[in-house]
Amino acid sequence: MTVASSSGLKLKASWLFKEFDDATTDVTLVNEYEPPGVFQLMGGLVRSTVEKATAQSLERLKRQVEATANKAPAKKRATKV
């Protein structure tokens, strides 16, 4: 899933999901952004702020998904006979 800004800060964020046989999923978030004007001069500060916000966002997503998964009925899997 990918989203991009239509105005203001140039931002493109892509969420990549990879499901595994053990019913787990890896989620990767890739942020691409271009800070405007003076913020380009403070690249390190902007980068660390974005990285921190990204980590917090992924942690919130993980908690929400796990909480929802714990409430959902278990999926029935086909059994080989």
Protein backbone atom coordinates (compact mmCIF):
# COMPACT_ATOMS: atom_id res chain seq x y z
CA MET A 1 0.00 0.00 0.00
CA THR A 2 1.41 3.40 -0.94
CA VAL A 3 0.27 6.92 -0.13
CA ALA A 4 1.70 10.22 -1.34
CA SER A 5 1.12 13.85 -0.44
CA SER A 6 -0.71 16.01 -2.94
CA SER A 7 0.51 19.33 -1.50
CA GLY A 8 2.88 20.72 1.11
CA LEU A 9 5.72 18.47 2.24
CA LYS A 10 6.65 16.01 -0.49
CA LEU A 11 6.06 12.63 1.10
CA LYS A 12 5.58 9.08 -0.14
CA ALA A 13 5.02 6.24 2.29
CA SER A 14 4.80 2.57 1.34
CA TRP A 15 3.63 -0.23 3.63
CA LEU A 16 4.91 -3.68 2.66
CA PHE A 17 3.25 -6.76 4.16
CA LYS A 18 4.69 -10.28 4.04
CA GLU A 19 2.61 -13.10 5.51
CA PHE A 20 4.20 -16.33 6.68
CA ASP A 21 2.86 -19.87 7.10
CA ASP A 22 3.03 -19.57 10.90
CA ALA A 23 0.29 -16.87 10.78
CA THR A 24 2.75 -14.03 11.41
CA THR A 25 3.29 -11.03 9.18
CA ASP A 26 6.26 -8.75 8.69
CA VAL A 27 5.38 -5.11 8.09
CA THR A 28 7.88 -2.68 6.60
CA LEU A 29 7.28 1.05 6.25
CA VAL A 30 9.36 2.97 3.73
CA ASN A 31 9.18 6.77 3.96
CA GLU A 32 10.50 9.00 1.20
CA TYR A 33 10.33 12.72 1.85
CA GLU A 34 11.83 15.98 0.71
CA PRO A 35 11.98 18.60 3.46
CA PRO A 36 11.23 22.13 2.25
CA GLY A 37 13.61 25.08 2.34
CA VAL A 38 15.55 25.58 5.57
CA PHE A 39 14.71 22.05 6.76
CA GLN A 40 17.00 20.68 4.02
CA LEU A 41 19.88 22.28 5.92
CA MET A 42 18.85 20.38 9.06
CA GLY A 43 18.71 16.98 7.35
CA GLY A 44 20.03 15.01 10.34
CA LEU A 45 17.51 16.52 12.75
CA VAL A 46 14.62 15.99 10.35
CA ARG A 47 15.76 12.42 9.62
CA SER A 48 15.97 11.46 13.30
CA THR A 49 12.53 12.98 13.97
CA VAL A 50 11.00 11.06 11.05
CA GLU A 51 12.71 7.82 12.13
CA LYS A 52 11.41 8.20 15.69
CA ALA A 53 7.87 8.94 14.48
CA THR A 54 8.05 5.96 12.10
CA ALA A 55 9.13 3.59 14.88
CA GLN A 56 6.30 4.84 17.10
CA SER A 57 3.79 4.46 14.26
CA LEU A 58 4.87 0.88 13.58
CA GLU A 59 4.67 0.02 17.29
CA ARG A 60 1.11 1.41 17.50
CA LEU A 61 0.14 -0.53 14.38
CA LYS A 62 1.60 -3.71 15.86
CA ARG A 63 -0.38 -3.29 19.10
CA GLN A 64 -3.61 -2.58 17.21
CA VAL A 65 -3.21 -5.53 14.85
CA GLU A 66 -2.30 -7.92 17.66
CA ALA A 67 -5.24 -6.72 19.78
CA THR A 68 -7.61 -7.22 16.85
CA ALA A 69 -6.12 -10.63 16.04
CA ASN A 70 -6.64 -11.75 19.64
CA LYS A 71 -10.35 -10.83 19.42
CA ALA A 72 -10.97 -12.37 16.00
CA PRO A 73 -12.12 -15.98 15.67
CA ALA A 74 -9.32 -18.31 14.67
CA LYS A 75 -9.07 -19.15 10.99
CA LYS A 76 -9.79 -22.73 10.11
CA ARG A 77 -6.98 -24.28 8.15
CA ALA A 78 -7.28 -27.14 5.76
CA THR A 79 -5.98 -30.39 7.17
CA LYS A 80 -4.39 -33.02 4.98
CA VAL A 81 -5.75 -36.50 5.56
